[in-house]
Amino acid sequence: MLFKLGVSQAAVQKLQSPFVAQETTPAHQRSLKNRRDLRYWPGKILVSATQLSASLLLSTGLLCTAAYAAEDSITNHQGDITPMCGTKPMIVGISDGYGGNTWRKTGLEEARDELSRCKNVKRIIYSNANGDAQKANSDINSMVAQGVNVLILLPDFGAVQLPAMRAAMKAGVAVVPYSAQMAGVPGRDYVVNVVGDTNQIGVLWADWLGTTLKKGNVVFMGGSPGATTSQNFMDGLRGGLKKYPGLKLLNEQYIVTNWNPVDAQKATAGLIAQYPKIDAIVTDGGGTAQAAIKAFEQAHLPVPAIATIASNNELNCHFLAAKQSGKPFPYYTLDGTTTYVRFAVRQGVAAYQGTVNKESPVILPFPYADSAKGLDPKCDAAAPPDADLTSALPPQKLKAVFEH
């Protein structure tokens, strides 16, 4: 469906080009303006996170342009890194386990953009392990040898990376893992772990289903076997659904998809064969949701309600095309996940410089699409299928990500 809307094959081919490992670049000196954040300032929110419903979280923001903006009900300004920059010269390392796709490329530019406000950033070193755990640890050791003071990493290999992270901390490097939940001890193995509030996100999905669908059978599809993040999402969803007796979660364990569209589509076909009636599918990734939709369409069945996180351009274009063709499906997605790295950058810089950062390391994404409220996502036919248009990058910088 996406390609019928005109996404170019050239754009798709760009997804196959990984970054060059150990790329270095000077920090930019351009500033950010008018960004809003996802985090809660301690002492300034009068209700707990578990009391917040999806309706209260409309457009917490991270969207740079008015075209993306939704009606705000809670608006906390994005943390300003400037007072955290300190005065000590610093070299910042950014380590990726599986670099190369558009989400990762966008996150890298988010980090560079955030660091551009600190004039004392002398160098940014980037590494991409290309799926090799041993290389990921070697990259960390190499960055320490090159004198990085702050290390921001997406720890794709989990506890396997803890020894290298711990050694970096012992060497005086402020290490901040983000996006993936880590074992280990804060203060010893890393400064702090910046992650999405997976349990509460599950509750938000449940609240949306409870108020929109109200009755029916629900399936949750996760990632790889044993993925802690997927399990936490499912635990939050299961707990949230207890408030809605008309909704039944069909699977006790999350459906394994390996976050792979082919595996996800096969798994969905199996679910269709196993369960005669599925009214909603919840996934912990937009790619999985898109694969599930394709499986229902290929089976010539109505698409069930879809609730997800980290949507992509292909999924959002597909939703809009279905709506325009008179075959809409209920759709809800929480987004802004490429900006998690900005929170990690601020935590790392503040830790190394000894400056104050009052932000919580636990982050809630914002509703980017909600069919029940008439909130449509954006579709960009010129952007890659896996593009995340909820980035906090200025439009021209985001466009540049897609072109390289």
Protein backbone atom coordinates (compact mmCIF):
# COMPACT_ATOMS: atom_id res chain seq x y z
CA MET A 1 0.00 0.00 0.00
CA LEU A 2 2.83 2.39 0.82
CA PHE A 3 4.42 2.07 -2.61
CA LYS A 4 1.08 2.83 -4.23
CA LEU A 5 1.35 6.16 -2.45
CA GLY A 6 4.62 6.89 -4.21
CA VAL A 7 7.52 6.10 -1.91
CA SER A 8 10.52 5.86 -4.18
CA GLN A 9 12.54 2.67 -4.57
CA ALA A 10 15.67 4.79 -4.23
CA ALA A 11 14.56 5.81 -0.77
CA VAL A 12 14.07 2.18 0.15
CA GLN A 13 17.52 1.29 -1.13
CA LYS A 14 19.04 3.91 1.13
CA LEU A 15 17.99 1.80 4.09
CA GLN A 16 20.64 -0.75 3.16
CA SER A 17 23.55 1.65 3.63
CA PRO A 18 25.02 1.36 7.13
CA PHE A 19 27.04 4.09 8.77
CA VAL A 20 30.80 3.89 8.67
CA ALA A 21 32.16 2.75 12.02
CA GLN A 22 34.26 5.21 14.02
CA GLU A 23 33.04 8.24 12.11
CA THR A 24 34.08 11.52 13.72
CA THR A 25 32.62 14.96 13.31
CA PRO A 26 32.92 18.34 15.03
CA ALA A 27 29.90 19.40 17.04
CA HIS A 28 27.50 21.82 15.35
CA GLN A 29 26.80 25.14 16.97
CA ARG A 30 23.15 25.60 16.07
CA SER A 31 20.47 25.88 18.74
CA LEU A 32 17.11 24.23 19.34
CA LYS A 33 13.95 26.21 19.93
CA ASN A 34 10.39 25.58 20.97
CA ARG A 35 10.66 21.83 21.61
CA ARG A 36 8.43 20.15 24.15
CA ASP A 37 9.31 17.02 26.08
CA LEU A 38 7.97 13.70 27.28
CA ARG A 39 9.36 13.67 30.77
CA TYR A 40 7.87 14.60 34.12
CA TRP A 41 9.66 17.16 36.25
CA PRO A 42 9.82 15.94 39.86
CA GLY A 43 7.37 17.76 42.09
CA LYS A 44 5.55 19.54 39.27
CA ILE A 45 3.00 16.90 38.30
CA LEU A 46 0.18 16.45 40.78
CA VAL A 47 -0.87 12.96 39.75
CA SER A 48 1.14 9.76 39.47
CA ALA A 49 2.00 8.29 36.09
CA THR A 50 -0.44 5.45 36.64
CA GLN A 51 -3.26 7.96 36.98
CA LEU A 52 -2.61 9.50 33.59
CA SER A 53 -4.84 8.40 30.76
CA ALA A 54 -4.07 8.59 27.09
CA SER A 55 -6.31 11.63 26.78
CA LEU A 56 -4.09 13.54 29.21
CA LEU A 57 -1.01 12.79 27.16
CA LEU A 58 -2.09 14.26 23.83
CA SER A 59 0.83 16.10 22.33
CA THR A 60 3.36 16.29 25.07
CA GLY A 61 5.30 17.28 22.04
CA LEU A 62 8.83 16.72 20.66
CA LEU A 63 7.47 17.83 17.31
CA CYS A 64 9.31 20.70 15.76
CA THR A 65 6.75 21.97 13.32
CA ALA A 66 3.19 23.17 13.65
CA ALA A 67 2.16 20.64 11.01
CA TYR A 68 2.76 17.84 13.51
CA ALA A 69 1.33 19.56 16.57
CA ALA A 70 -1.69 18.23 18.41
CA GLU A 71 -3.80 19.81 21.12
CA ASP A 72 -1.75 20.03 24.30
CA SER A 73 -3.01 19.14 27.75
CA ILE A 74 0.32 18.59 29.49
CA THR A 75 3.17 20.66 28.11
CA ASN A 76 6.62 20.38 29.70
CA HIS A 77 9.37 22.15 27.84
CA GLN A 78 12.21 19.98 26.58
CA GLY A 79 15.13 20.13 28.95
CA ASP A 80 17.61 22.85 28.02
CA ILE A 81 21.08 21.34 27.82
CA THR A 82 22.82 24.75 27.84
CA PRO A 83 23.14 25.10 31.65
CA MET A 84 24.27 21.47 31.80
CA CYS A 85 27.12 21.99 29.31
CA GLY A 86 29.57 23.16 31.96
CA THR A 87 33.00 24.42 31.02
CA LYS A 88 35.22 21.34 30.75
CA PRO A 89 36.11 20.40 27.18
CA MET A 90 34.58 17.04 26.32
CA ILE A 91 34.66 14.32 23.73
CA VAL A 92 31.39 12.43 23.34
CA GLY A 93 31.10 8.88 22.07
CA ILE A 94 27.93 7.44 20.54
CA SER A 95 27.94 3.65 20.28
CA ASP A 96 25.33 1.68 18.33
CA GLY A 97 24.89 -2.06 18.19
CA TYR A 98 22.81 -2.23 15.01
CA GLY A 99 23.30 1.07 13.22
CA GLY A 100 22.15 1.78 9.72
CA ASN A 101 18.36 1.82 9.60
CA THR A 102 16.51 5.09 9.44
CA TRP A 103 15.43 5.04 13.11
CA ARG A 104 19.06 4.67 14.20
CA LYS A 105 20.29 7.31 11.76
CA THR A 106 17.66 9.71 13.04
CA GLY A 107 18.69 9.05 16.64
CA LEU A 108 22.32 9.76 15.80
CA GLU A 109 21.38 13.12 14.31
CA GLU A 110 19.17 13.85 17.33
CA ALA A 111 22.22 13.34 19.55
CA ARG A 112 24.43 15.54 17.39
CA ASP A 113 21.73 18.19 17.28
CA GLU A 114 21.41 18.17 21.08
CA LEU A 115 25.18 18.38 21.56
CA SER A 116 25.42 21.31 19.14
CA ARG A 117 24.36 23.62 21.97
CA CYS A 118 27.45 22.80 24.03
CA LYS A 119 30.35 24.81 22.64
CA ASN A 120 32.80 22.79 24.72
CA VAL A 121 32.11 19.59 22.77
CA LYS A 122 35.37 19.13 20.89
CA ARG A 123 34.60 15.93 19.07
CA ILE A 124 31.87 13.35 18.53
CA ILE A 125 32.92 9.76 17.82
CA TYR A 126 30.41 7.32 16.39
CA SER A 127 30.70 3.54 16.22
CA ASN A 128 28.46 0.88 14.70
CA ALA A 129 28.91 -2.77 15.71
CA ASN A 130 26.72 -4.02 12.85
CA GLY A 131 25.16 -6.70 15.04
CA ASP A 132 28.44 -8.03 16.46
CA ALA A 133 28.45 -8.13 20.28
CA GLN A 134 32.22 -8.57 20.46
CA LYS A 135 32.74 -5.54 18.24
CA ALA A 136 30.30 -3.52 20.36
CA ASN A 137 32.50 -4.09 23.41
CA SER A 138 35.63 -3.44 21.37
CA ASP A 139 34.09 -0.16 20.19
CA ILE A 140 33.51 0.91 23.80
CA ASN A 141 37.10 0.08 24.73
CA SER A 142 38.36 1.94 21.67
CA MET A 143 36.37 5.04 22.57
CA VAL A 144 37.80 5.01 26.09
CA ALA A 145 41.29 4.77 24.60
CA GLN A 146 40.49 7.75 22.37
CA GLY A 147 39.62 9.82 25.42
CA VAL A 148 35.84 10.09 25.38
CA ASN A 149 34.40 11.73 28.47
CA VAL A 150 30.75 10.89 27.81
CA LEU A 151 29.53 7.67 26.22
CA ILE A 152 25.96 7.32 24.99
CA LEU A 153 25.04 3.85 23.81
CA LEU A 154 22.12 1.76 22.70
CA PRO A 155 23.01 -1.55 24.43
CA ASP A 156 21.59 -4.01 21.92
CA PHE A 157 23.44 -6.93 23.48
CA GLY A 158 22.29 -6.37 27.05
CA ALA A 159 24.34 -7.73 29.94
CA VAL A 160 27.12 -8.83 27.58
CA GLN A 161 28.12 -5.18 27.36
CA LEU A 162 28.22 -4.55 31.11
CA PRO A 163 31.92 -5.39 31.63
CA ALA A 164 33.00 -2.90 28.95
CA MET A 165 30.61 -0.29 30.32
CA ARG A 166 31.87 -0.86 33.87
CA ALA A 167 35.47 -0.50 32.73
CA ALA A 168 34.60 2.77 31.00
CA MET A 169 32.99 4.08 34.18
CA LYS A 170 36.11 3.13 36.16
CA ALA A 171 38.13 5.12 33.63
CA GLY A 172 36.05 8.20 34.44
CA VAL A 173 33.68 8.10 31.48
CA ALA A 174 30.04 9.03 32.09
CA VAL A 175 28.24 6.07 30.48
CA VAL A 176 24.52 6.33 29.71
CA PRO A 177 22.66 3.45 28.03
CA TYR A 178 19.29 4.34 26.56
CA SER A 179 16.17 2.84 25.01
CA ALA A 180 16.94 -0.74 26.13
CA GLN A 181 16.50 -1.71 29.76
CA MET A 182 19.73 -2.85 31.38
CA ALA A 183 20.74 -5.03 34.28
CA GLY A 184 23.68 -3.76 36.28
CA VAL A 185 24.10 -1.17 39.00
CA PRO A 186 23.59 2.56 38.40
CA GLY A 187 26.65 4.46 39.55
CA ARG A 188 28.91 1.47 38.94
CA ASP A 189 28.04 0.08 35.51
CA TYR A 190 26.53 3.28 34.12
CA VAL A 191 25.32 6.67 35.32
CA VAL A 192 21.64 6.04 34.69
CA ASN A 193 19.53 3.97 32.28
CA VAL A 194 17.27 6.17 30.13
CA VAL A 195 14.23 4.14 29.06
CA GLY A 196 10.60 4.42 28.13
CA ASP A 197 8.09 3.60 30.85
CA THR A 198 7.15 0.29 29.28
CA ASN A 199 4.68 -0.75 31.95
CA GLN A 200 2.79 2.53 31.79
CA ILE A 201 2.78 2.44 28.01
CA GLY A 202 1.00 -0.91 28.30
CA VAL A 203 -1.56 0.73 30.57
CA LEU A 204 -2.12 3.51 28.01
CA TRP A 205 -2.80 0.92 25.33
CA ALA A 206 -5.28 -0.78 27.64
CA ASP A 207 -7.03 2.51 28.38
CA TRP A 208 -7.34 3.28 24.68
CA LEU A 209 -8.79 -0.17 23.97
CA GLY A 210 -11.09 0.10 26.97
CA THR A 211 -12.54 3.41 25.86
CA THR A 212 -12.51 2.75 22.10
CA LEU A 213 -13.11 -0.96 21.59
CA LYS A 214 -14.69 -1.73 24.99
CA LYS A 215 -15.33 -5.40 24.17
CA GLY A 216 -13.38 -8.06 22.32
CA ASN A 217 -10.34 -10.31 22.11
CA VAL A 218 -6.85 -8.81 22.30
CA VAL A 219 -3.49 -10.25 21.22
CA PHE A 220 -0.07 -8.85 22.14
CA MET A 221 2.90 -9.35 19.82
CA GLY A 222 6.41 -8.75 21.15
CA GLY A 223 9.93 -9.13 19.85
CA SER A 224 12.60 -11.75 20.40
CA PRO A 225 12.34 -14.61 22.95
CA GLY A 226 13.06 -13.39 26.47
CA ALA A 227 12.99 -9.70 25.56
CA THR A 228 12.52 -7.85 28.85
CA THR A 229 11.03 -4.83 27.15
CA SER A 230 8.36 -6.90 25.42
CA GLN A 231 7.50 -8.65 28.68
CA ASN A 232 7.19 -5.33 30.50
CA PHE A 233 4.92 -3.96 27.78
CA MET A 234 2.73 -7.05 28.09
CA ASP A 235 2.64 -6.88 31.88
CA GLY A 236 1.46 -3.28 31.69
CA LEU A 237 -1.16 -4.17 29.10
CA ARG A 238 -2.40 -7.14 31.12
CA GLY A 239 -2.64 -5.06 34.29
CA GLY A 240 -4.37 -2.21 32.49
CA LEU A 241 -6.96 -4.52 30.93
CA LYS A 242 -8.15 -5.63 34.37
CA LYS A 243 -10.22 -2.44 34.47
CA TYR A 244 -12.07 -3.53 31.34
CA PRO A 245 -13.82 -6.89 31.85
CA GLY A 246 -15.18 -6.80 28.31
CA LEU A 247 -11.67 -7.15 26.90
CA LYS A 248 -9.87 -10.50 26.96
CA LEU A 249 -6.13 -10.97 26.41
CA LEU A 250 -5.93 -14.22 24.44
CA ASN A 251 -2.23 -15.05 24.87
CA GLU A 252 -0.51 -15.70 28.20
CA GLN A 253 2.95 -15.09 26.72
CA TYR A 254 3.74 -12.49 24.10
CA ILE A 255 3.85 -13.67 20.51
CA VAL A 256 7.47 -13.85 19.33
CA THR A 257 8.15 -11.94 16.11
CA ASN A 258 11.86 -11.10 16.49
CA TRP A 259 10.76 -7.62 15.36
CA ASN A 260 11.04 -9.05 11.86
CA PRO A 261 8.19 -8.28 9.42
CA VAL A 262 8.36 -11.72 7.79
CA ASP A 263 8.22 -13.52 11.14
CA ALA A 264 5.50 -11.16 12.36
CA GLN A 265 3.32 -11.80 9.32
CA LYS A 266 3.73 -15.58 9.71
CA ALA A 267 2.91 -15.33 13.41
CA THR A 268 -0.22 -13.32 12.65
CA ALA A 269 -1.35 -15.90 10.10
CA GLY A 270 -0.98 -18.50 12.84
CA LEU A 271 -3.05 -16.40 15.23
CA ILE A 272 -5.79 -16.02 12.62
CA ALA A 273 -5.89 -19.82 12.26
CA GLN A 274 -5.87 -20.35 16.04
CA TYR A 275 -8.41 -17.76 17.10
CA PRO A 276 -11.69 -17.34 15.19
CA LYS A 277 -12.12 -13.78 16.47
CA ILE A 278 -9.39 -11.20 17.07
CA ASP A 279 -10.62 -7.68 17.72
CA ALA A 280 -7.36 -5.91 18.58
CA ILE A 281 -3.65 -6.42 18.08
CA VAL A 282 -1.13 -4.62 20.26
CA THR A 283 2.53 -4.58 19.21
CA ASP A 284 5.74 -3.10 20.58
CA GLY A 285 6.85 -1.80 17.21
CA GLY A 286 5.31 -0.22 14.14
CA GLY A 287 6.92 -2.72 11.79
CA THR A 288 5.20 -5.58 13.60
CA ALA A 289 1.87 -3.77 13.41
CA GLN A 290 2.24 -3.25 9.67
CA ALA A 291 3.05 -6.95 9.17
CA ALA A 292 -0.02 -7.94 11.19
CA ILE A 293 -2.23 -5.68 9.08
CA LYS A 294 -0.89 -7.27 5.89
CA ALA A 295 -1.69 -10.75 7.23
CA PHE A 296 -5.31 -9.80 7.89
CA GLU A 297 -5.66 -8.17 4.49
CA GLN A 298 -4.18 -11.19 2.73
CA ALA A 299 -6.66 -13.39 4.60
CA HIS A 300 -9.44 -11.08 3.33
CA LEU A 301 -10.41 -10.23 6.89
CA PRO A 302 -11.20 -6.81 8.40
CA VAL A 303 -8.17 -5.25 10.06
CA PRO A 304 -8.65 -5.27 13.84
CA ALA A 305 -7.90 -2.34 16.13
CA ILE A 306 -4.16 -1.62 16.17
CA ALA A 307 -2.29 -0.16 19.15
CA THR A 308 1.47 0.22 18.94
CA ILE A 309 4.56 2.29 19.66
CA ALA A 310 7.28 3.70 17.42
CA SER A 311 5.23 3.77 14.25
CA ASN A 312 6.87 4.29 10.90
CA ASN A 313 6.07 6.02 7.65
CA GLU A 314 4.86 2.83 5.97
CA LEU A 315 2.36 2.05 8.71
CA ASN A 316 1.04 5.59 8.90
CA CYS A 317 0.71 5.89 5.12
CA HIS A 318 -1.13 2.56 5.09
CA PHE A 319 -3.55 3.76 7.76
CA LEU A 320 -4.30 6.97 5.87
CA ALA A 321 -4.76 5.09 2.59
CA ALA A 322 -7.20 2.68 4.25
CA LYS A 323 -9.11 5.60 5.70
CA GLN A 324 -9.29 7.37 2.35
CA SER A 325 -10.49 4.19 0.63
CA GLY A 326 -13.38 3.83 3.06
CA LYS A 327 -11.85 0.91 4.96
CA PRO A 328 -10.48 2.54 8.11
CA PHE A 329 -9.38 0.56 11.14
CA PRO A 330 -9.06 1.80 14.74
CA TYR A 331 -5.47 2.98 15.22
CA TYR A 332 -3.44 4.32 18.14
CA THR A 333 0.31 4.85 18.31
CA LEU A 334 2.68 6.35 20.85
CA ASP A 335 5.74 8.03 19.37
CA GLY A 336 8.73 10.31 19.78
CA THR A 337 11.10 7.45 20.54
CA THR A 338 13.98 8.78 18.42
CA THR A 339 14.27 11.57 20.99
CA TYR A 340 15.09 9.20 23.86
CA VAL A 341 18.73 9.76 22.96
CA ARG A 342 18.41 13.48 23.76
CA PHE A 343 17.50 12.62 27.35
CA ALA A 344 20.50 10.29 27.49
CA VAL A 345 22.80 12.99 26.14
CA ARG A 346 21.68 15.47 28.78
CA GLN A 347 22.12 12.89 31.54
CA GLY A 348 25.63 12.06 30.36
CA VAL A 349 26.76 15.65 29.90
CA ALA A 350 25.41 16.72 33.29
CA ALA A 351 27.08 13.75 35.01
CA TYR A 352 30.48 14.47 33.49
CA GLN A 353 30.30 18.23 33.99
CA GLY A 354 28.86 18.01 37.51
CA THR A 355 25.90 20.17 36.52
CA VAL A 356 22.25 19.76 37.46
CA ASN A 357 19.74 17.75 35.45
CA LYS A 358 16.34 17.30 37.11
CA GLU A 359 14.82 15.24 34.32
CA SER A 360 13.49 11.78 35.05
CA PRO A 361 15.29 9.04 33.09
CA VAL A 362 11.91 7.32 32.63
CA ILE A 363 10.12 8.61 29.54
CA LEU A 364 6.58 8.44 28.18
CA PRO A 365 6.06 8.84 24.43
CA PHE A 366 3.14 10.86 23.14
CA PRO A 367 0.05 9.85 21.12
CA TYR A 368 0.89 10.57 17.50
CA ALA A 369 -2.22 8.99 15.99
CA ASP A 370 -5.57 8.26 17.61
CA SER A 371 -8.39 7.38 15.25
CA ALA A 372 -10.95 7.72 18.04
CA LYS A 373 -10.03 11.39 18.45
CA GLY A 374 -9.52 12.17 14.78
CA LEU A 375 -5.77 12.54 15.30
CA ASP A 376 -4.14 11.45 12.04
CA PRO A 377 -0.42 10.75 11.60
CA LYS A 378 1.68 12.26 8.85
CA CYS A 379 2.56 10.35 5.68
CA ASP A 380 5.51 11.47 3.58
CA ALA A 381 5.75 9.69 0.23
CA ALA A 382 9.29 11.00 -0.21
CA ALA A 383 10.52 9.51 3.06
CA PRO A 384 11.73 5.91 3.57
CA PRO A 385 9.19 3.31 4.75
CA ASP A 386 10.88 3.03 8.15
CA ALA A 387 11.18 6.79 8.68
CA ASP A 388 10.01 8.19 12.01
CA LEU A 389 8.44 11.57 11.32
CA THR A 390 8.01 12.35 15.04
CA SER A 391 11.66 13.32 15.39
CA ALA A 392 12.57 16.55 17.18
CA LEU A 393 14.97 17.44 14.39
CA PRO A 394 14.23 20.61 12.41
CA PRO A 395 12.61 19.66 9.09
CA GLN A 396 15.72 20.27 6.97
CA LYS A 397 17.91 18.14 9.24
CA LEU A 398 15.36 15.34 9.22
CA LYS A 399 15.18 15.51 5.43
CA ALA A 400 18.97 15.26 5.30
CA VAL A 401 18.80 12.01 7.29
CA PHE A 402 16.60 10.49 4.61
CA GLU A 403 18.89 11.65 1.82
CA HIS A 404 22.10 10.11 3.16
